């Protein structure tokens, strides 16, 4: 698994994950919007690992070499 996310990409994903979780815990996400927690988990894991599985088939690489 090769890193394919750059620093800014990873930071944006991490911040989005944190905002979604905080909004959920604060009661700001009503009903079906709570499904965003699934995306939050995905954002967090890709930010931590630096690898996005969707980037490979799309040919995207934001990591500077």
Protein backbone atom coordinates (compact mmCIF):
# COMPACT_ATOMS: atom_id res chain seq x y z
CA UNK A 1 0.00 0.00 0.00
CA UNK A 2 1.72 3.15 -1.24
CA UNK A 3 0.95 6.57 0.26
CA UNK A 4 -1.09 8.59 -2.24
CA UNK A 5 -2.29 11.52 -0.11
CA UNK A 6 -0.38 14.70 0.49
CA UNK A 7 -0.14 16.55 3.80
CA UNK A 8 -2.90 19.06 3.04
CA UNK A 9 -5.22 16.29 1.81
CA UNK A 10 -4.64 14.33 5.01
CA UNK A 11 -5.17 17.37 7.25
CA UNK A 12 -8.45 18.27 5.51
CA UNK A 13 -9.72 14.71 5.95
CA UNK A 14 -8.72 14.65 9.61
CA UNK A 15 -10.39 18.00 10.32
CA UNK A 16 -13.58 16.89 8.53
CA UNK A 17 -13.65 13.68 10.56
CA UNK A 18 -13.28 15.59 13.82
CA UNK A 19 -15.96 18.15 12.87
CA UNK A 20 -18.45 15.40 11.97
CA UNK A 21 -17.89 13.52 15.23
CA UNK A 22 -18.14 16.69 17.33
CA UNK A 23 -21.34 17.71 15.52
CA UNK A 24 -22.82 14.27 16.13
CA UNK A 25 -21.90 14.21 19.80
CA UNK A 26 -23.22 17.75 20.20
CA UNK A 27 -26.59 16.75 18.76
CA UNK A 28 -26.22 18.90 15.65
CA UNK A 29 -26.70 16.04 13.16
CA UNK A 30 -30.39 15.16 12.94
CA UNK A 31 -31.73 11.77 11.85
CA UNK A 32 -30.27 10.49 8.58
CA UNK A 33 -27.42 12.98 8.69
CA UNK A 34 -25.90 10.79 11.40
CA UNK A 35 -24.88 8.47 8.54
CA UNK A 36 -22.02 10.90 8.03
CA UNK A 37 -20.28 9.02 10.84
CA UNK A 38 -19.46 6.32 8.28
CA UNK A 39 -17.68 8.90 6.15
CA UNK A 40 -16.02 10.28 9.25
CA UNK A 41 -14.48 6.88 9.96
CA UNK A 42 -13.33 6.61 6.37
CA UNK A 43 -11.84 10.11 6.42
CA UNK A 44 -10.03 9.35 9.67
CA UNK A 45 -8.56 6.05 8.47
CA UNK A 46 -7.37 7.45 5.14
CA UNK A 47 -5.85 10.47 6.92
CA UNK A 48 -3.95 8.23 9.35
CA UNK A 49 -2.70 5.76 6.73
CA UNK A 50 -2.16 8.29 3.92
CA UNK A 51 -3.75 5.91 1.44
CA UNK A 52 -7.08 6.41 -0.30
CA UNK A 53 -8.31 3.32 -2.17
CA UNK A 54 -10.44 5.44 -4.53
CA UNK A 55 -7.44 7.42 -5.71
CA UNK A 56 -5.76 4.42 -7.36
CA UNK A 57 -8.45 3.63 -10.00
CA UNK A 58 -9.00 7.37 -10.58
CA UNK A 59 -5.27 7.96 -11.08
CA UNK A 60 -5.07 10.63 -8.39
CA UNK A 61 -1.98 11.17 -6.26
CA UNK A 62 -1.71 14.28 -4.07
CA UNK A 63 1.49 13.12 -2.40
CA UNK A 64 4.60 15.02 -3.42
CA UNK A 65 7.50 12.72 -4.09
